[in-house]
C-alpha atoms as a PDB file:
ATOM      1  CA  MET A   1      15.202 -20.299  53.200  1.00  0.00           C
ATOM      2  CA  LYS A   2      16.263 -21.039  49.680  1.00  0.00           C
ATOM      3  CA  LEU A   3      20.036 -21.452  49.803  1.00  0.00           C
ATOM      4  CA  VAL A   4      23.019 -22.112  47.584  1.00  0.00           C
ATOM      5  CA  PHE A   5      25.882 -23.942  49.304  1.00  0.00           C
ATOM      6  CA  CYS A   6      29.537 -23.605  48.281  1.00  0.00           C
ATOM      7  CA  GLY A   7      32.045 -26.042  49.780  1.00  0.00           C
ATOM      8  CA  THR A   8      34.599 -28.675  48.886  1.00  0.00           C
ATOM      9  CA  PRO A   9      36.402 -30.638  51.679  1.00  0.00           C
ATOM     10  CA  SER A  10      35.102 -32.711  54.579  1.00  0.00           C
ATOM     11  CA  PHE A  11      35.236 -29.634  56.846  1.00  0.00           C
ATOM     12  CA  ALA A  12      32.167 -28.285  54.999  1.00  0.00           C
ATOM     13  CA  VAL A  13      30.040 -31.440  55.126  1.00  0.00           C
ATOM     14  CA  PRO A  14      28.599 -31.022  58.678  1.00  0.00           C
ATOM     15  CA  THR A  15      27.306 -27.562  57.773  1.00  0.00           C
ATOM     16  CA  LEU A  16      25.594 -28.848  54.627  1.00  0.00           C
ATOM     17  CA  GLU A  17      23.953 -31.620  56.630  1.00  0.00           C
ATOM     18  CA  ALA A  18      22.907 -29.216  59.405  1.00  0.00           C
ATOM     19  CA  LEU A  19      21.249 -26.860  56.915  1.00  0.00           C
ATOM     20  CA  LEU A  20      19.248 -29.735  55.471  1.00  0.00           C
ATOM     21  CA  ALA A  21      18.273 -30.957  58.950  1.00  0.00           C
ATOM     22  CA  ALA A  22      17.085 -27.428  59.803  1.00  0.00           C
ATOM     23  CA  GLY A  23      14.639 -27.554  56.900  1.00  0.00           C
ATOM     24  CA  HIS A  24      16.344 -25.167  54.489  1.00  0.00           C
ATOM     25  CA  GLU A  25      16.027 -25.722  50.757  1.00  0.00           C
ATOM     26  CA  ILE A  26      19.453 -26.272  49.187  1.00  0.00           C
ATOM     27  CA  ALA A  27      18.691 -25.281  45.618  1.00  0.00           C
ATOM     28  CA  LEU A  28      22.235 -25.913  44.407  1.00  0.00           C
ATOM     29  CA  VAL A  29      25.568 -27.137  45.727  1.00  0.00           C
ATOM     30  CA  ILE A  30      28.733 -25.699  44.211  1.00  0.00           C
ATOM     31  CA  SER A  31      31.970 -27.610  44.682  1.00  0.00           C
ATOM     32  CA  GLN A  32      35.374 -27.763  43.077  1.00  0.00           C
ATOM     33  CA  PRO A  33      35.959 -30.247  40.241  1.00  0.00           C
ATOM     34  CA  ASP A  34      36.908 -33.859  40.891  1.00  0.00           C
ATOM     35  CA  ARG A  35      40.674 -34.250  41.382  1.00  0.00           C
ATOM     36  CA  PRO A  36      43.181 -37.126  41.096  1.00  0.00           C
ATOM     37  CA  VAL A  37      43.914 -38.568  44.549  1.00  0.00           C
ATOM     38  CA  GLY A  38      46.655 -40.847  45.911  1.00  0.00           C
ATOM     39  CA  ARG A  39      49.556 -42.563  44.238  1.00  0.00           C
ATOM     40  CA  ALA A  40      47.247 -44.122  41.693  1.00  0.00           C
ATOM     41  CA  GLN A  41      45.850 -40.652  40.880  1.00  0.00           C
ATOM     42  CA  ILE A  42      42.262 -41.910  40.859  1.00  0.00           C
ATOM     43  CA  LEU A  43      39.780 -39.181  39.919  1.00  0.00           C
ATOM     44  CA  THR A  44      37.775 -38.600  43.105  1.00  0.00           C
ATOM     45  CA  ALA A  45      34.761 -36.439  43.922  1.00  0.00           C
ATOM     46  CA  PRO A  46      35.278 -33.983  46.804  1.00  0.00           C
ATOM     47  CA  PRO A  47      33.515 -34.829  50.092  1.00  0.00           C
ATOM     48  CA  VAL A  48      30.892 -32.100  49.678  1.00  0.00           C
ATOM     49  CA  LYS A  49      29.871 -33.434  46.281  1.00  0.00           C
ATOM     50  CA  GLN A  50      29.597 -36.944  47.695  1.00  0.00           C
ATOM     51  CA  ALA A  51      27.411 -35.728  50.578  1.00  0.00           C
ATOM     52  CA  ALA A  52      25.249 -33.651  48.246  1.00  0.00           C
ATOM     53  CA  LEU A  53      24.622 -36.516  45.843  1.00  0.00           C
ATOM     54  CA  ALA A  54      23.770 -38.787  48.773  1.00  0.00           C
ATOM     55  CA  ALA A  55      21.117 -36.219  49.751  1.00  0.00           C
ATOM     56  CA  ASP A  56      19.838 -36.052  46.155  1.00  0.00           C
ATOM     57  CA  LEU A  57      20.901 -32.420  45.685  1.00  0.00           C
ATOM     58  CA  ASP A  58      21.903 -30.743  42.441  1.00  0.00           C
ATOM     59  CA  VAL A  59      25.672 -30.221  42.195  1.00  0.00           C
ATOM     60  CA  VAL A  60      27.769 -28.132  39.827  1.00  0.00           C
ATOM     61  CA  GLN A  61      31.577 -28.028  39.664  1.00  0.00           C
ATOM     62  CA  PRO A  62      32.585 -25.100  37.460  1.00  0.00           C
ATOM     63  CA  GLU A  63      36.239 -24.597  36.591  1.00  0.00           C
ATOM     64  CA  LYS A  64      35.563 -20.852  36.470  1.00  0.00           C
ATOM     65  CA  ILE A  65      32.997 -18.800  38.350  1.00  0.00           C
ATOM     66  CA  ARG A  66      34.083 -15.198  37.761  1.00  0.00           C
ATOM     67  CA  SER A  67      33.361 -15.156  34.019  1.00  0.00           C
ATOM     68  CA  ASN A  68      30.886 -17.943  33.362  1.00  0.00           C
ATOM     69  CA  PRO A  69      27.642 -16.677  31.763  1.00  0.00           C
ATOM     70  CA  ASP A  70      25.770 -19.982  32.011  1.00  0.00           C
ATOM     71  CA  PHE A  71      26.699 -20.436  35.662  1.00  0.00           C
ATOM     72  CA  ARG A  72      25.722 -16.848  36.466  1.00  0.00           C
ATOM     73  CA  ALA A  73      22.370 -17.198  34.708  1.00  0.00           C
ATOM     74  CA  ARG A  74      21.582 -20.339  36.709  1.00  0.00           C
ATOM     75  CA  LEU A  75      22.370 -18.621  40.024  1.00  0.00           C
ATOM     76  CA  GLU A  76      20.316 -15.558  39.078  1.00  0.00           C
ATOM     77  CA  ASP A  77      17.404 -17.804  38.151  1.00  0.00           C
ATOM     78  CA  ILE A  78      17.572 -19.511  41.572  1.00  0.00           C
ATOM     79  CA  ALA A  79      17.607 -16.115  43.363  1.00  0.00           C
ATOM     80  CA  PRO A  80      18.733 -17.566  46.708  1.00  0.00           C
ATOM     81  CA  ASP A  81      17.970 -15.869  50.015  1.00  0.00           C
ATOM     82  CA  ALA A  82      21.577 -16.518  51.073  1.00  0.00           C
ATOM     83  CA  ILE A  83      24.687 -18.260  49.826  1.00  0.00           C
ATOM     84  CA  VAL A  84      26.582 -20.262  52.448  1.00  0.00           C
ATOM     85  CA  VAL A  85      30.315 -20.656  51.828  1.00  0.00           C
ATOM     86  CA  VAL A  86      32.418 -23.140  53.812  1.00  0.00           C
ATOM     87  CA  ALA A  87      35.954 -23.939  52.644  1.00  0.00           C
ATOM     88  CA  TYR A  88      34.996 -23.681  48.984  1.00  0.00           C
ATOM     89  CA  GLY A  89      38.540 -22.806  47.937  1.00  0.00           C
ATOM     90  CA  ARG A  90      37.707 -20.165  45.352  1.00  0.00           C
ATOM     91  CA  ILE A  91      37.411 -16.386  45.545  1.00  0.00           C
ATOM     92  CA  ILE A  92      33.750 -15.369  45.334  1.00  0.00           C
ATOM     93  CA  PRO A  93      33.337 -12.742  42.554  1.00  0.00           C
ATOM     94  CA  PRO A  94      31.508  -9.441  43.154  1.00  0.00           C
ATOM     95  CA  TRP A  95      28.439 -10.407  41.121  1.00  0.00           C
ATOM     96  CA  LEU A  96      27.946 -13.478  43.311  1.00  0.00           C
ATOM     97  CA  LEU A  97      28.488 -11.536  46.537  1.00  0.00           C
ATOM     98  CA  ALA A  98      25.740  -9.115  45.523  1.00  0.00           C
ATOM     99  CA  LEU A  99      23.234 -11.757  44.433  1.00  0.00           C
ATOM    100  CA  PRO A 100      21.489 -13.022  47.618  1.00  0.00           C
ATOM    101  CA  ARG A 101      19.312 -10.674  49.667  1.00  0.00           C
ATOM    102  CA  LEU A 102      20.947 -11.754  52.958  1.00  0.00           C
ATOM    103  CA  GLY A 103      24.429 -11.910  51.501  1.00  0.00           C
ATOM    104  CA  CYS A 104      27.091 -14.615  51.344  1.00  0.00           C
ATOM    105  CA  ILE A 105      27.661 -16.131  54.787  1.00  0.00           C
ATOM    106  CA  ASN A 106      31.042 -17.716  55.425  1.00  0.00           C
ATOM    107  CA  LEU A 107      32.162 -20.069  58.200  1.00  0.00           C
ATOM    108  CA  HIS A 108      35.824 -19.379  59.032  1.00  0.00           C
ATOM    109  CA  GLY A 109      37.840 -21.583  61.401  1.00  0.00           C
ATOM    110  CA  SER A 110      39.308 -18.864  63.630  1.00  0.00           C
ATOM    111  CA  LEU A 111      38.292 -16.007  65.892  1.00  0.00           C
ATOM    112  CA  LEU A 112      38.520 -13.209  63.358  1.00  0.00           C
ATOM    113  CA  PRO A 113      40.263 -10.857  62.900  1.00  0.00           C
ATOM    114  CA  LYS A 114      42.912 -13.318  64.111  1.00  0.00           C
ATOM    115  CA  TYR A 115      44.210 -15.698  61.443  1.00  0.00           C
ATOM    116  CA  ARG A 116      42.730 -14.382  58.255  1.00  0.00           C
ATOM    117  CA  GLY A 117      43.712 -16.564  55.338  1.00  0.00           C
ATOM    118  CA  ALA A 118      43.840 -20.095  54.007  1.00  0.00           C
ATOM    119  CA  ALA A 119      45.185 -22.060  56.997  1.00  0.00           C
ATOM    120  CA  PRO A 120      43.706 -20.614  60.228  1.00  0.00           C
ATOM    121  CA  ILE A 121      43.384 -23.912  62.090  1.00  0.00           C
ATOM    122  CA  GLN A 122      46.940 -25.011  61.326  1.00  0.00           C
ATOM    123  CA  TRP A 123      48.511 -21.703  62.341  1.00  0.00           C
ATOM    124  CA  ALA A 124      46.528 -21.436  65.586  1.00  0.00           C
ATOM    125  CA  VAL A 125      47.986 -24.775  66.679  1.00  0.00           C
ATOM    126  CA  ALA A 126      51.452 -24.057  65.282  1.00  0.00           C
ATOM    127  CA  MET A 127      51.634 -20.810  67.252  1.00  0.00           C
ATOM    128  CA  GLY A 128      50.807 -22.623  70.476  1.00  0.00           C
ATOM    129  CA  ASP A 129      47.423 -20.971  71.070  1.00  0.00           C
ATOM    130  CA  ALA A 130      45.347 -22.393  73.928  1.00  0.00           C
ATOM    131  CA  PHE A 131      42.072 -21.746  72.122  1.00  0.00           C
ATOM    132  CA  THR A 132      40.632 -20.910  68.726  1.00  0.00           C
ATOM    133  CA  GLY A 133      37.085 -21.029  67.378  1.00  0.00           C
ATOM    134  CA  ASN A 134      34.714 -20.350  64.512  1.00  0.00           C
ATOM    135  CA  THR A 135      33.417 -17.120  63.048  1.00  0.00           C
ATOM    136  CA  THR A 136      30.448 -16.586  60.766  1.00  0.00           C
ATOM    137  CA  MET A 137      30.838 -13.466  58.661  1.00  0.00           C
ATOM    138  CA  LEU A 138      29.459 -11.699  55.631  1.00  0.00           C
ATOM    139  CA  LEU A 139      31.799 -12.134  52.713  1.00  0.00           C
ATOM    140  CA  GLU A 140      33.115  -9.105  50.875  1.00  0.00           C
ATOM    141  CA  GLU A 141      35.852  -8.674  48.286  1.00  0.00           C
ATOM    142  CA  GLY A 142      38.726  -8.464  50.806  1.00  0.00           C
ATOM    143  CA  LEU A 143      40.410 -11.560  52.276  1.00  0.00           C
ATOM    144  CA  ASP A 144      38.299 -12.493  55.334  1.00  0.00           C
ATOM    145  CA  THR A 145      37.634  -8.804  55.999  1.00  0.00           C
ATOM    146  CA  GLY A 146      33.836  -8.884  56.175  1.00  0.00           C
ATOM    147  CA  PRO A 147      31.745  -8.002  59.223  1.00  0.00           C
ATOM    148  CA  ILE A 148      31.390 -10.597  61.969  1.00  0.00           C
ATOM    149  CA  LEU A 149      28.016 -12.226  62.642  1.00  0.00           C
ATOM    150  CA  LEU A 150      28.590 -14.839  65.386  1.00  0.00           C
ATOM    151  CA  GLN A 151      31.608 -16.430  67.080  1.00  0.00           C
ATOM    152  CA  GLN A 152      32.280 -19.438  69.289  1.00  0.00           C
ATOM    153  CA  THR A 153      35.412 -20.482  71.192  1.00  0.00           C
ATOM    154  CA  VAL A 154      36.995 -23.949  71.096  1.00  0.00           C
ATOM    155  CA  GLU A 155      39.900 -25.025  73.327  1.00  0.00           C
ATOM    156  CA  ILE A 156      43.103 -26.459  71.859  1.00  0.00           C
ATOM    157  CA  GLY A 157      44.621 -29.233  73.974  1.00  0.00           C
ATOM    158  CA  PRO A 158      48.374 -29.070  74.614  1.00  0.00           C
ATOM    159  CA  ASP A 159      48.986 -32.213  72.564  1.00  0.00           C
ATOM    160  CA  GLN A 160      46.169 -31.772  70.048  1.00  0.00           C
ATOM    161  CA  THR A 161      47.105 -31.587  66.368  1.00  0.00           C
ATOM    162  CA  ALA A 162      45.475 -29.604  63.604  1.00  0.00           C
ATOM    163  CA  ALA A 163      44.220 -32.905  62.191  1.00  0.00           C
ATOM    164  CA  ASP A 164      42.474 -33.548  65.531  1.00  0.00           C
ATOM    165  CA  LEU A 165      40.998 -30.052  65.611  1.00  0.00           C
ATOM    166  CA  PHE A 166      39.558 -29.924  62.079  1.00  0.00           C
ATOM    167  CA  PRO A 167      36.584 -32.264  62.673  1.00  0.00           C
ATOM    168  CA  LEU A 168      35.845 -30.663  66.057  1.00  0.00           C
ATOM    169  CA  LEU A 169      35.611 -27.184  64.542  1.00  0.00           C
ATOM    170  CA  ALA A 170      33.615 -28.505  61.603  1.00  0.00           C
ATOM    171  CA  GLU A 171      31.014 -30.080  63.894  1.00  0.00           C
ATOM    172  CA  ALA A 172      30.875 -27.044  66.199  1.00  0.00           C
ATOM    173  CA  GLY A 173      30.553 -24.619  63.289  1.00  0.00           C
ATOM    174  CA  ALA A 174      27.583 -26.311  61.638  1.00  0.00           C
ATOM    175  CA  PRO A 175      24.920 -25.224  64.197  1.00  0.00           C
ATOM    176  CA  LEU A 176      26.590 -21.800  64.340  1.00  0.00           C
ATOM    177  CA  VAL A 177      25.758 -21.309  60.648  1.00  0.00           C
ATOM    178  CA  VAL A 178      22.148 -22.403  61.220  1.00  0.00           C
ATOM    179  CA  GLU A 179      21.882 -19.956  64.132  1.00  0.00           C
ATOM    180  CA  THR A 180      23.420 -17.204  62.000  1.00  0.00           C
ATOM    181  CA  LEU A 181      20.865 -17.633  59.226  1.00  0.00           C
ATOM    182  CA  ALA A 182      18.003 -17.520  61.717  1.00  0.00           C
ATOM    183  CA  GLY A 183      19.417 -14.356  63.296  1.00  0.00           C
ATOM    184  CA  LEU A 184      19.829 -12.624  59.968  1.00  0.00           C
ATOM    185  CA  ALA A 185      16.299 -13.552  58.952  1.00  0.00           C
ATOM    186  CA  ASP A 186      14.663 -12.154  62.109  1.00  0.00           C
ATOM    187  CA  GLY A 187      17.015  -9.184  62.481  1.00  0.00           C
ATOM    188  CA  SER A 188      18.461 -10.268  65.842  1.00  0.00           C
ATOM    189  CA  ILE A 189      22.020 -10.394  64.467  1.00  0.00           C
ATOM    190  CA  ARG A 190      23.690  -7.174  63.432  1.00  0.00           C
ATOM    191  CA  PRO A 191      26.979  -7.446  61.555  1.00  0.00           C
ATOM    192  CA  GLN A 192      29.929  -6.012  63.482  1.00  0.00           C
ATOM    193  CA  PRO A 193      33.055  -4.666  61.736  1.00  0.00           C
ATOM    194  CA  GLN A 194      36.356  -6.356  62.474  1.00  0.00           C
ATOM    195  CA  ASN A 195      38.968  -4.581  64.592  1.00  0.00           C
ATOM    196  CA  SER A 196      41.689  -3.755  62.061  1.00  0.00           C
ATOM    197  CA  GLU A 197      44.274  -3.321  64.834  1.00  0.00           C
ATOM    198  CA  ARG A 198      44.041  -7.000  65.820  1.00  0.00           C
ATOM    199  CA  VAL A 199      44.467  -8.562  62.391  1.00  0.00           C
ATOM    200  CA  THR A 200      46.860 -11.498  61.977  1.00  0.00           C
ATOM    201  CA  PHE A 201      47.286 -13.756  58.986  1.00  0.00           C
ATOM    202  CA  ALA A 202      47.364 -17.503  58.354  1.00  0.00           C
ATOM    203  CA  PRO A 203      48.939 -17.923  54.920  1.00  0.00           C
ATOM    204  CA  LEU A 204      48.700 -21.038  52.787  1.00  0.00           C
ATOM    205  CA  LEU A 205      51.165 -23.639  54.034  1.00  0.00           C
ATOM    206  CA  ASP A 206      54.372 -24.294  52.152  1.00  0.00           C
ATOM    207  CA  ARG A 207      56.527 -27.432  52.231  1.00  0.00           C
ATOM    208  CA  GLU A 208      59.350 -25.438  53.841  1.00  0.00           C
ATOM    209  CA  ASP A 209      57.109 -24.603  56.815  1.00  0.00           C
ATOM    210  CA  GLY A 210      57.777 -28.156  57.982  1.00  0.00           C
ATOM    211  CA  ARG A 211      61.577 -27.773  58.090  1.00  0.00           C
ATOM    212  CA  MET A 212      62.900 -27.990  61.647  1.00  0.00           C
ATOM    213  CA  ASP A 213      65.348 -25.218  62.536  1.00  0.00           C
ATOM    214  CA  PHE A 214      66.950 -26.368  65.778  1.00  0.00           C
ATOM    215  CA  ALA A 215      69.178 -23.289  66.083  1.00  0.00           C
ATOM    216  CA  VAL A 216      66.313 -20.779  65.939  1.00  0.00           C
ATOM    217  CA  ARG A 217      63.332 -22.532  67.543  1.00  0.00           C
ATOM    218  CA  THR A 218      62.914 -24.027  70.984  1.00  0.00           C
ATOM    219  CA  ALA A 219      61.664 -27.571  71.525  1.00  0.00           C
ATOM    220  CA  HIS A 220      58.224 -26.235  72.428  1.00  0.00           C
ATOM    221  CA  GLU A 221      58.065 -24.123  69.258  1.00  0.00           C
ATOM    222  CA  LEU A 222      59.112 -27.057  67.077  1.00  0.00           C
ATOM    223  CA  TYR A 223      56.612 -29.337  68.804  1.00  0.00           C
ATOM    224  CA  ASN A 224      53.790 -26.832  68.273  1.00  0.00           C
ATOM    225  CA  ARG A 225      54.696 -26.463  64.598  1.00  0.00           C
ATOM    226  CA  TRP A 226      54.664 -30.250  64.190  1.00  0.00           C
ATOM    227  CA  ARG A 227      51.196 -30.335  65.831  1.00  0.00           C
ATOM    228  CA  GLY A 228      49.948 -27.536  63.598  1.00  0.00           C
ATOM    229  CA  PHE A 229      51.320 -28.877  60.356  1.00  0.00           C
ATOM    230  CA  GLN A 230      49.497 -32.210  60.470  1.00  0.00           C
ATOM    231  CA  PRO A 231      48.913 -33.922  58.141  1.00  0.00           C
ATOM    232  CA  TRP A 232      51.002 -31.678  55.841  1.00  0.00           C
ATOM    233  CA  PRO A 233      53.773 -30.512  55.617  1.00  0.00           C
ATOM    234  CA  GLY A 234      54.557 -32.244  58.906  1.00  0.00           C
ATOM    235  CA  ALA A 235      58.086 -31.901  60.294  1.00  0.00           C
ATOM    236  CA  PHE A 236      61.386 -32.813  58.681  1.00  0.00           C
ATOM    237  CA  THR A 237      65.111 -32.214  58.917  1.00  0.00           C
ATOM    238  CA  THR A 238      68.207 -33.750  57.295  1.00  0.00           C
ATOM    239  CA  LEU A 239      70.659 -36.466  58.350  1.00  0.00           C
ATOM    240  CA  ASP A 240      73.887 -36.868  56.374  1.00  0.00           C
ATOM    241  CA  GLY A 241      72.335 -34.875  53.546  1.00  0.00           C
ATOM    242  CA  LYS A 242      69.182 -37.015  53.369  1.00  0.00           C
ATOM    243  CA  LYS A 243      65.681 -35.904  54.279  1.00  0.00           C
ATOM    244  CA  LEU A 244      64.509 -37.217  57.638  1.00  0.00           C
ATOM    245  CA  ILE A 245      60.766 -37.030  58.361  1.00  0.00           C
ATOM    246  CA  VAL A 246      59.765 -36.909  62.023  1.00  0.00           C
ATOM    247  CA  HIS A 247      56.335 -38.531  62.221  1.00  0.00           C
ATOM    248  CA  ARG A 248      56.004 -38.349  66.012  1.00  0.00           C
ATOM    249  CA  MET A 249      57.812 -36.373  68.682  1.00  0.00           C
ATOM    250  CA  ALA A 250      57.465 -35.265  72.289  1.00  0.00           C
ATOM    251  CA  LEU A 251      58.876 -32.618  74.567  1.00  0.00           C
ATOM    252  CA  ALA A 252      61.787 -34.031  76.580  1.00  0.00           C
ATOM    253  CA  ARG A 253      60.791 -32.245  79.768  1.00  0.00           C
ATOM    254  CA  ASP A 254      63.150 -34.371  81.876  1.00  0.00           C
ATOM    255  CA  MET A 255      66.191 -33.194  79.914  1.00  0.00           C
ATOM    256  CA  ALA A 256      68.212 -30.232  81.113  1.00  0.00           C
ATOM    257  CA  GLY A 257      71.510 -28.678  80.267  1.00  0.00           C
ATOM    258  CA  PRO A 258      73.126 -27.171  77.213  1.00  0.00           C
ATOM    259  CA  GLY A 259      73.375 -28.830  73.838  1.00  0.00           C
ATOM    260  CA  SER A 260      74.512 -27.670  70.444  1.00  0.00           C
ATOM    261  CA  PRO A 261      71.346 -27.223  68.325  1.00  0.00           C
ATOM    262  CA  GLY A 262      70.819 -30.288  66.158  1.00  0.00           C
ATOM    263  CA  ALA A 263      73.126 -32.475  68.267  1.00  0.00           C
ATOM    264  CA  ILE A 264      71.928 -35.971  69.151  1.00  0.00           C
ATOM    265  CA  ARG A 265      71.878 -37.514  72.611  1.00  0.00           C
ATOM    266  CA  LEU A 266      70.905 -41.124  73.297  1.00  0.00           C
ATOM    267  CA  ASP A 267      69.337 -42.234  76.567  1.00  0.00           C
ATOM    268  CA  ASN A 268      68.494 -45.940  76.739  1.00  0.00           C
ATOM    269  CA  TYR A 269      67.173 -45.989  73.152  1.00  0.00           C
ATOM    270  CA  ARG A 270      65.546 -42.595  73.525  1.00  0.00           C
ATOM    271  CA  LEU A 271      66.563 -40.370  70.629  1.00  0.00           C
ATOM    272  CA  LEU A 272      66.951 -36.780  71.834  1.00  0.00           C
ATOM    273  CA  VAL A 273      67.887 -33.682  69.855  1.00  0.00           C
ATOM    274  CA  ALA A 274      69.046 -30.319  71.181  1.00  0.00           C
ATOM    275  CA  CYS A 275      67.062 -27.218  70.234  1.00  0.00           C
ATOM    276  CA  ALA A 276      67.400 -23.485  70.844  1.00  0.00           C
ATOM    277  CA  GLU A 277      67.690 -22.119  74.389  1.00  0.00           C
ATOM    278  CA  ASP A 278      68.985 -25.447  75.772  1.00  0.00           C
ATOM    279  CA  THR A 279      65.695 -27.258  75.216  1.00  0.00           C
ATOM    280  CA  TRP A 280      65.296 -30.852  74.007  1.00  0.00           C
ATOM    281  CA  LEU A 281      62.935 -32.873  71.835  1.00  0.00           C
ATOM    282  CA  GLU A 282      62.453 -36.618  71.847  1.00  0.00           C
ATOM    283  CA  LEU A 283      61.978 -38.087  68.380  1.00  0.00           C
ATOM    284  CA  LEU A 284      59.621 -41.077  68.536  1.00  0.00           C
ATOM    285  CA  GLU A 285      58.993 -42.136  64.917  1.00  0.00           C
ATOM    286  CA  LEU A 286      61.229 -41.331  61.981  1.00  0.00           C
ATOM    287  CA  GLN A 287      61.565 -42.066  58.301  1.00  0.00           C
ATOM    288  CA  LEU A 288      64.803 -41.563  56.415  1.00  0.00           C
ATOM    289  CA  GLU A 289      64.537 -40.698  52.730  1.00  0.00           C
ATOM    290  CA  GLY A 290      63.896 -43.872  50.737  1.00  0.00           C
ATOM    291  CA  LYS A 291      63.303 -45.976  53.862  1.00  0.00           C
ATOM    292  CA  LYS A 292      60.263 -47.116  55.824  1.00  0.00           C
ATOM    293  CA  ARG A 293      58.800 -45.488  58.913  1.00  0.00           C
ATOM    294  CA  LEU A 294      60.413 -46.727  62.150  1.00  0.00           C
ATOM    295  CA  THR A 295      60.214 -46.231  65.892  1.00  0.00           C
ATOM    296  CA  ALA A 296      63.221 -44.556  67.475  1.00  0.00           C
ATOM    297  CA  ARG A 297      64.472 -47.893  68.836  1.00  0.00           C
ATOM    298  CA  GLU A 298      64.185 -49.537  65.406  1.00  0.00           C
ATOM    299  CA  PHE A 299      65.831 -46.551  63.761  1.00  0.00           C
ATOM    300  CA  LEU A 300      68.798 -46.570  66.151  1.00  0.00           C
ATOM    301  CA  HIS A 301      69.431 -50.287  65.579  1.00  0.00           C
ATOM    302  CA  GLY A 302      70.200 -49.530  61.949  1.00  0.00           C
ATOM    303  CA  MET A 303      72.146 -46.308  62.516  1.00  0.00           C
ATOM    304  CA  PRO A 304      75.280 -47.005  64.623  1.00  0.00           C
ATOM    305  CA  GLN A 305      76.673 -43.537  63.809  1.00  0.00           C
ATOM    306  CA  MET A 306      73.758 -41.698  65.462  1.00  0.00           C
ATOM    307  CA  PRO A 307      75.500 -40.734  68.753  1.00  0.00           C
ATOM    308  CA  THR A 308      77.898 -38.502  66.813  1.00  0.00           C
ATOM    309  CA  ALA A 309      75.411 -37.342  64.161  1.00  0.00           C
ATOM    310  CA  ARG A 310      73.859 -33.909  63.831  1.00  0.00           C
ATOM    311  CA  LEU A 311      70.459 -33.088  62.411  1.00  0.00           C
ATOM    312  CA  GLY A 312      69.807 -30.211  60.037  1.00  0.00           C
END
């Protein structure tokens, strides 16, 4: 088929490569503009653009796509059979949705209608789900509301983070998109409407999502949120009014008994904190505001007041 591909981050790269390997013609790749990256704020091309240029494909990076006459004219001139959208990061306008004869096919990193929205992988992990997956769907104007084409299930390990899961879903989703296009072309796939009674949402992450509330959440809930919110916003609390980032943690399954939420307990250089419902977390790597990242043992050496401290 003649395709247009819309994508920006590394999650979308395996699909682009799979479409090329399957013999499709990628007439144009659309990606977001280059952005400053890192402390040095070096202007950097997004991963999809880098992959497209390496494959000698034409790339455009429009700031606007809804009202852009030149961009629209170029797409209409291409007249693609389908437009494939994977983590592009922009709302697809109605004129673009209506352009290809097979529609705009989107790869979404959840089992829709569960986790509609911008952060489905992160929220699936943060909520402690044992599995998630990928969905291919036809895009329409609503937020992830379009009819489902194909789905696949992927397990989430009990200690797996969202950062671990992203590349696995990206690799698994690539052949699913190829299969979807083939099924649409030969009529073997019929779009199925989503069950509106099973809809849940996965909103864009906020910095405050990483704040640890020991009084409200159990150790397991806080651990799952830390797993889900990797690499950002992670998990943090406060110590003596300063921000304390928790880079690594574990469930303290061997701990039992009551504890005031946020209270510290030391056990042979193990740093334990009490959570809701008399559950406990072990903090393994920490970083106090303005300081370097340390193991719990290193951290405790420099903090003699810790046995009487309270977090949060």
